[in-house]
Amino acid sequence: MNGSNEVNPAARHTPWQKRLYLSGAAILIAALIAAALIYATAAPPDDAVSRYSAVDPRYQIELQRIGGNAAVLMAQLHQWFDGLWHGTALAGTVAVLGLAAAGACFFIGHFFADD
């Protein structure tokens, strides 16, 4: 007996907090499993995509001549963002998005405390 009158910490959580914590854990587990499956089944990168991309100096020079530096930067940004949704990079994207959604559930659940 330690002499404290503290209640069980798990009993302090409201039903909404328990639901949000459980939802966050389920989202995190599902996202990590999905990311592992995507990573394991991803096809190797296509050689033609890397050969004719925005990294090609001839393409960049022509694009800069037509649209300026902003067009080159936007093309590089578009290629980077498009690359997030293919192959093994998609597995990382799914894992990060799942982690963010689970973190949001935990964060919101933390503020549902019944004072």
N, C-alpha and C. Protein backbone atom coordinates (compact mmCIF):
# COMPACT_ATOMS: atom_id res chain seq x y z
N MET A 1 0.84 -1.16 0.00
CA MET A 1 0.00 0.00 0.00
C MET A 1 0.89 1.23 0.00
N ASN A 2 0.70 2.06 -0.96
CA ASN A 2 1.51 3.26 -1.05
C ASN A 2 0.81 4.47 -0.45
N GLY A 3 -0.42 4.34 -0.05
CA GLY A 3 -1.10 5.41 0.65
C GLY A 3 -1.73 6.44 -0.25
N SER A 4 -1.67 6.27 -1.57
CA SER A 4 -2.28 7.27 -2.45
C SER A 4 -3.70 6.83 -2.80
N ASN A 5 -4.53 7.81 -3.04
CA ASN A 5 -5.93 7.55 -3.38
C ASN A 5 -6.16 7.71 -4.89
N GLU A 6 -5.14 7.49 -5.68
CA GLU A 6 -5.23 7.70 -7.12
C GLU A 6 -6.05 6.60 -7.77
N VAL A 7 -6.93 7.00 -8.68
CA VAL A 7 -7.79 6.08 -9.41
C VAL A 7 -6.99 5.46 -10.56
N ASN A 8 -7.42 4.31 -11.01
CA ASN A 8 -6.79 3.64 -12.14
C ASN A 8 -6.75 4.60 -13.34
N PRO A 9 -5.58 4.84 -13.97
CA PRO A 9 -5.49 5.81 -15.07
C PRO A 9 -6.37 5.43 -16.26
N ALA A 10 -6.58 4.14 -16.51
CA ALA A 10 -7.40 3.73 -17.64
C ALA A 10 -8.87 4.07 -17.40
N ALA A 11 -9.28 4.15 -16.14
CA ALA A 11 -10.67 4.46 -15.83
C ALA A 11 -10.97 5.95 -16.01
N ARG A 12 -9.94 6.77 -16.10
CA ARG A 12 -10.13 8.21 -16.26
C ARG A 12 -10.52 8.60 -17.67
N HIS A 13 -10.28 7.76 -18.66
CA HIS A 13 -10.56 8.10 -20.06
C HIS A 13 -12.06 8.05 -20.33
N THR A 14 -12.54 9.04 -21.08
CA THR A 14 -13.95 9.07 -21.47
C THR A 14 -14.17 8.07 -22.60
N PRO A 15 -15.43 7.73 -22.88
CA PRO A 15 -15.69 6.81 -24.00
C PRO A 15 -15.19 7.34 -25.35
N TRP A 16 -15.28 8.67 -25.55
CA TRP A 16 -14.78 9.24 -26.80
C TRP A 16 -13.27 9.09 -26.91
N GLN A 17 -12.57 9.28 -25.81
CA GLN A 17 -11.12 9.11 -25.83
C GLN A 17 -10.76 7.68 -26.15
N LYS A 18 -11.45 6.73 -25.54
CA LYS A 18 -11.16 5.32 -25.80
C LYS A 18 -11.40 4.99 -27.28
N ARG A 19 -12.48 5.53 -27.85
CA ARG A 19 -12.76 5.28 -29.27
C ARG A 19 -11.70 5.89 -30.16
N LEU A 20 -11.29 7.11 -29.85
CA LEU A 20 -10.27 7.76 -30.67
C LEU A 20 -8.92 7.05 -30.55
N TYR A 21 -8.55 6.64 -29.36
CA TYR A 21 -7.30 5.90 -29.18
C TYR A 21 -7.34 4.57 -29.92
N LEU A 22 -8.46 3.87 -29.83
CA LEU A 22 -8.61 2.60 -30.53
C LEU A 22 -8.59 2.81 -32.04
N SER A 23 -9.25 3.84 -32.51
CA SER A 23 -9.24 4.16 -33.95
C SER A 23 -7.84 4.50 -34.42
N GLY A 24 -7.12 5.28 -33.63
CA GLY A 24 -5.74 5.62 -34.00
C GLY A 24 -4.85 4.40 -34.07
N ALA A 25 -5.00 3.49 -33.12
CA ALA A 25 -4.20 2.27 -33.14
C ALA A 25 -4.56 1.40 -34.34
N ALA A 26 -5.85 1.30 -34.66
CA ALA A 26 -6.28 0.51 -35.81
C ALA A 26 -5.76 1.11 -37.12
N ILE A 27 -5.82 2.43 -37.24
CA ILE A 27 -5.32 3.11 -38.45
C ILE A 27 -3.82 2.88 -38.59
N LEU A 28 -3.09 3.00 -37.50
CA LEU A 28 -1.65 2.82 -37.54
C LEU A 28 -1.28 1.40 -37.96
N ILE A 29 -1.92 0.42 -37.38
CA ILE A 29 -1.63 -0.98 -37.71
C ILE A 29 -1.99 -1.27 -39.17
N ALA A 30 -3.17 -0.81 -39.60
CA ALA A 30 -3.59 -1.05 -40.99
C ALA A 30 -2.65 -0.37 -41.99
N ALA A 31 -2.22 0.85 -41.69
CA ALA A 31 -1.32 1.57 -42.59
C ALA A 31 0.04 0.90 -42.68
N LEU A 32 0.56 0.43 -41.55
CA LEU A 32 1.86 -0.23 -41.59
C LEU A 32 1.80 -1.56 -42.33
N ILE A 33 0.71 -2.30 -42.15
CA ILE A 33 0.56 -3.56 -42.88
C ILE A 33 0.41 -3.28 -44.37
N ALA A 34 -0.39 -2.28 -44.73
CA ALA A 34 -0.55 -1.93 -46.15
C ALA A 34 0.76 -1.46 -46.76
N ALA A 35 1.53 -0.67 -46.02
CA ALA A 35 2.82 -0.20 -46.53
C ALA A 35 3.78 -1.36 -46.74
N ALA A 36 3.78 -2.32 -45.82
CA ALA A 36 4.65 -3.48 -45.98
C ALA A 36 4.25 -4.31 -47.20
N LEU A 37 2.95 -4.49 -47.41
CA LEU A 37 2.48 -5.24 -48.58
C LEU A 37 2.81 -4.51 -49.89
N ILE A 38 2.63 -3.20 -49.90
CA ILE A 38 2.96 -2.42 -51.10
C ILE A 38 4.45 -2.50 -51.38
N TYR A 39 5.26 -2.38 -50.36
CA TYR A 39 6.72 -2.43 -50.54
C TYR A 39 7.15 -3.80 -51.07
N ALA A 40 6.53 -4.86 -50.55
CA ALA A 40 6.92 -6.21 -50.95
C ALA A 40 6.49 -6.53 -52.38
N THR A 41 5.39 -5.93 -52.85
CA THR A 41 4.88 -6.27 -54.17
C THR A 41 5.16 -5.20 -55.22
N ALA A 42 5.93 -4.18 -54.90
CA ALA A 42 6.19 -3.09 -55.84
C ALA A 42 7.08 -3.58 -56.98
N ALA A 43 6.74 -3.13 -58.17
CA ALA A 43 7.53 -3.46 -59.35
C ALA A 43 8.79 -2.60 -59.38
N PRO A 44 9.86 -3.08 -59.99
CA PRO A 44 11.07 -2.25 -60.10
C PRO A 44 10.80 -1.03 -60.96
N PRO A 45 11.54 0.06 -60.75
CA PRO A 45 11.29 1.29 -61.51
C PRO A 45 11.56 1.07 -63.01
N ASP A 46 10.78 1.75 -63.83
CA ASP A 46 10.90 1.64 -65.27
C ASP A 46 12.06 2.49 -65.75
N ASP A 47 12.87 1.94 -66.64
CA ASP A 47 14.05 2.65 -67.13
C ASP A 47 13.66 3.81 -68.04
N ALA A 48 12.57 3.66 -68.78
CA ALA A 48 12.15 4.73 -69.69
C ALA A 48 11.72 5.97 -68.94
N VAL A 49 11.12 5.80 -67.78
CA VAL A 49 10.69 6.95 -67.00
C VAL A 49 11.89 7.77 -66.55
N SER A 50 12.93 7.09 -66.09
CA SER A 50 14.11 7.82 -65.64
C SER A 50 14.90 8.42 -66.81
N ARG A 51 14.79 7.81 -67.97
CA ARG A 51 15.53 8.31 -69.13
C ARG A 51 14.92 9.58 -69.69
N TYR A 52 13.59 9.67 -69.70
CA TYR A 52 12.90 10.83 -70.28
C TYR A 52 12.17 11.60 -69.21
N SER A 53 12.87 12.05 -68.23
CA SER A 53 12.25 12.76 -67.13
C SER A 53 12.65 14.23 -67.15
N ALA A 54 12.17 14.94 -66.15
CA ALA A 54 12.48 16.37 -66.05
C ALA A 54 13.94 16.60 -65.65
N VAL A 55 14.65 15.53 -65.31
CA VAL A 55 16.06 15.66 -64.94
C VAL A 55 16.93 15.79 -66.18
N ASP A 56 16.42 15.37 -67.33
CA ASP A 56 17.16 15.43 -68.58
C ASP A 56 17.52 16.88 -68.89
N PRO A 57 18.81 17.18 -69.07
CA PRO A 57 19.22 18.58 -69.30
C PRO A 57 18.60 19.20 -70.55
N ARG A 58 18.41 18.40 -71.59
CA ARG A 58 17.81 18.95 -72.82
C ARG A 58 16.38 19.40 -72.56
N TYR A 59 15.65 18.60 -71.78
CA TYR A 59 14.26 18.95 -71.44
C TYR A 59 14.23 20.22 -70.59
N GLN A 60 15.14 20.31 -69.64
CA GLN A 60 15.17 21.49 -68.76
C GLN A 60 15.52 22.76 -69.53
N ILE A 61 16.46 22.66 -70.44
CA ILE A 61 16.85 23.84 -71.22
C ILE A 61 15.68 24.31 -72.08
N GLU A 62 15.00 23.36 -72.72
CA GLU A 62 13.86 23.72 -73.57
C GLU A 62 12.72 24.29 -72.74
N LEU A 63 12.46 23.68 -71.59
CA LEU A 63 11.40 24.16 -70.71
C LEU A 63 11.72 25.54 -70.16
N GLN A 64 12.98 25.78 -69.83
CA GLN A 64 13.38 27.09 -69.33
C GLN A 64 13.26 28.15 -70.43
N ARG A 65 13.58 27.77 -71.65
CA ARG A 65 13.47 28.71 -72.77
C ARG A 65 12.02 29.09 -73.02
N ILE A 66 11.11 28.13 -72.85
CA ILE A 66 9.69 28.39 -73.11
C ILE A 66 9.01 29.06 -71.92
N GLY A 67 9.23 28.51 -70.70
CA GLY A 67 8.46 28.98 -69.55
C GLY A 67 9.25 29.65 -68.45
N GLY A 68 10.55 29.67 -68.54
CA GLY A 68 11.37 30.31 -67.52
C GLY A 68 11.70 29.36 -66.37
N ASN A 69 12.35 29.93 -65.35
CA ASN A 69 12.79 29.12 -64.21
C ASN A 69 11.62 28.56 -63.41
N ALA A 70 10.53 29.31 -63.37
CA ALA A 70 9.36 28.84 -62.62
C ALA A 70 8.80 27.56 -63.24
N ALA A 71 8.80 27.48 -64.55
CA ALA A 71 8.30 26.28 -65.22
C ALA A 71 9.19 25.08 -64.92
N VAL A 72 10.49 25.29 -64.85
CA VAL A 72 11.41 24.20 -64.52
C VAL A 72 11.17 23.73 -63.09
N LEU A 73 11.03 24.67 -62.17
CA LEU A 73 10.78 24.30 -60.78
C LEU A 73 9.45 23.58 -60.61
N MET A 74 8.42 24.05 -61.30
CA MET A 74 7.11 23.39 -61.22
C MET A 74 7.16 21.99 -61.83
N ALA A 75 7.91 21.80 -62.90
CA ALA A 75 8.04 20.48 -63.50
C ALA A 75 8.76 19.53 -62.55
N GLN A 76 9.80 20.02 -61.87
CA GLN A 76 10.51 19.18 -60.90
C GLN A 76 9.62 18.84 -59.71
N LEU A 77 8.85 19.82 -59.23
CA LEU A 77 7.92 19.58 -58.12
C LEU A 77 6.85 18.57 -58.52
N HIS A 78 6.32 18.70 -59.73
CA HIS A 78 5.31 17.78 -60.22
C HIS A 78 5.88 16.37 -60.34
N GLN A 79 7.09 16.25 -60.84
CA GLN A 79 7.69 14.93 -60.97
C GLN A 79 7.95 14.31 -59.60
N TRP A 80 8.39 15.10 -58.63
CA TRP A 80 8.61 14.58 -57.27
C TRP A 80 7.29 14.11 -56.66
N PHE A 81 6.25 14.94 -56.77
CA PHE A 81 4.96 14.58 -56.19
C PHE A 81 4.35 13.37 -56.89
N ASP A 82 4.51 13.29 -58.20
CA ASP A 82 4.01 12.14 -58.95
C ASP A 82 4.77 10.87 -58.56
N GLY A 83 6.03 11.00 -58.24
CA GLY A 83 6.83 9.85 -57.84
C GLY A 83 6.45 9.28 -56.49
N LEU A 84 5.75 10.06 -55.67
CA LEU A 84 5.33 9.57 -54.35
C LEU A 84 4.25 8.50 -54.45
N TRP A 85 3.59 8.38 -55.59
CA TRP A 85 2.43 7.49 -55.73
C TRP A 85 2.73 6.27 -56.56
N HIS A 86 4.01 5.90 -56.71
CA HIS A 86 4.38 4.74 -57.50
C HIS A 86 5.49 3.95 -56.81
N GLY A 87 5.43 2.64 -56.93
CA GLY A 87 6.50 1.77 -56.47
C GLY A 87 6.73 1.79 -54.98
N THR A 88 7.99 1.69 -54.60
CA THR A 88 8.33 1.63 -53.18
C THR A 88 8.10 2.96 -52.47
N ALA A 89 8.12 4.06 -53.21
CA ALA A 89 7.85 5.35 -52.59
C ALA A 89 6.40 5.42 -52.11
N LEU A 90 5.50 4.70 -52.78
CA LEU A 90 4.11 4.65 -52.34
C LEU A 90 3.99 4.01 -50.96
N ALA A 91 4.82 3.02 -50.69
CA ALA A 91 4.80 2.38 -49.36
C ALA A 91 5.17 3.39 -48.28
N GLY A 92 6.17 4.20 -48.53
CA GLY A 92 6.54 5.24 -47.57
C GLY A 92 5.46 6.29 -47.42
N THR A 93 4.80 6.64 -48.52
CA THR A 93 3.72 7.62 -48.47
C THR A 93 2.56 7.10 -47.64
N VAL A 94 2.19 5.83 -47.86
CA VAL A 94 1.09 5.24 -47.09
C VAL A 94 1.45 5.18 -45.61
N ALA A 95 2.69 4.82 -45.30
CA ALA A 95 3.11 4.74 -43.89
C ALA A 95 3.07 6.12 -43.23
N VAL A 96 3.55 7.14 -43.90
CA VAL A 96 3.56 8.49 -43.33
C VAL A 96 2.14 9.03 -43.17
N LEU A 97 1.29 8.81 -44.17
CA LEU A 97 -0.10 9.27 -44.06
C LEU A 97 -0.84 8.54 -42.95
N GLY A 98 -0.59 7.24 -42.80
CA GLY A 98 -1.21 6.48 -41.72
C GLY A 98 -0.72 6.95 -40.36
N LEU A 99 0.56 7.24 -40.27
CA LEU A 99 1.12 7.76 -39.02
C LEU A 99 0.53 9.12 -38.68
N ALA A 100 0.34 9.96 -39.69
CA ALA A 100 -0.26 11.28 -39.46
C ALA A 100 -1.72 11.16 -39.02
N ALA A 101 -2.47 10.26 -39.65
CA ALA A 101 -3.88 10.08 -39.27
C ALA A 101 -4.00 9.50 -37.86
N ALA A 102 -3.15 8.53 -37.53
CA ALA A 102 -3.18 7.96 -36.18
C ALA A 102 -2.75 9.00 -35.16
N GLY A 103 -1.74 9.79 -35.49
CA GLY A 103 -1.32 10.86 -34.59
C GLY A 103 -2.41 11.88 -34.36
N ALA A 104 -3.18 12.19 -35.43
CA ALA A 104 -4.30 13.12 -35.28
C ALA A 104 -5.36 12.55 -34.35
N CYS A 105 -5.63 11.25 -34.46
CA CYS A 105 -6.61 10.62 -33.56
C CYS A 105 -6.13 10.68 -32.11
N PHE A 106 -4.86 10.37 -31.89
CA PHE A 106 -4.32 10.43 -30.53
C PHE A 106 -4.32 11.85 -29.99
N PHE A 107 -3.97 12.82 -30.85
CA PHE A 107 -3.92 14.21 -30.44
C PHE A 107 -5.32 14.72 -30.07
N ILE A 108 -6.31 14.43 -30.91
CA ILE A 108 -7.68 14.86 -30.63
C ILE A 108 -8.21 14.15 -29.40
N GLY A 109 -7.90 12.86 -29.26
CA GLY A 109 -8.34 12.11 -28.11
C GLY A 109 -7.78 12.64 -26.81
N HIS A 110 -6.59 13.19 -26.86
CA HIS A 110 -5.96 13.75 -25.68
C HIS A 110 -6.75 14.94 -25.14
N PHE A 111 -7.40 15.70 -26.04
CA PHE A 111 -8.14 16.89 -25.63
C PHE A 111 -9.61 16.62 -25.32
N PHE A 112 -10.03 15.37 -25.38
CA PHE A 112 -11.39 15.02 -24.99
C PHE A 112 -11.45 14.67 -23.51
N ALA A 113 -10.45 15.06 -22.76
CA ALA A 113 -10.42 14.75 -21.33
C ALA A 113 -11.58 15.44 -20.63
N ASP A 114 -12.19 14.73 -19.72
CA ASP A 114 -13.32 15.27 -18.98
C ASP A 114 -12.78 15.88 -17.69
N ASP A 115 -12.68 17.20 -17.67
CA ASP A 115 -12.08 17.86 -16.50
C ASP A 115 -13.09 17.92 -15.42
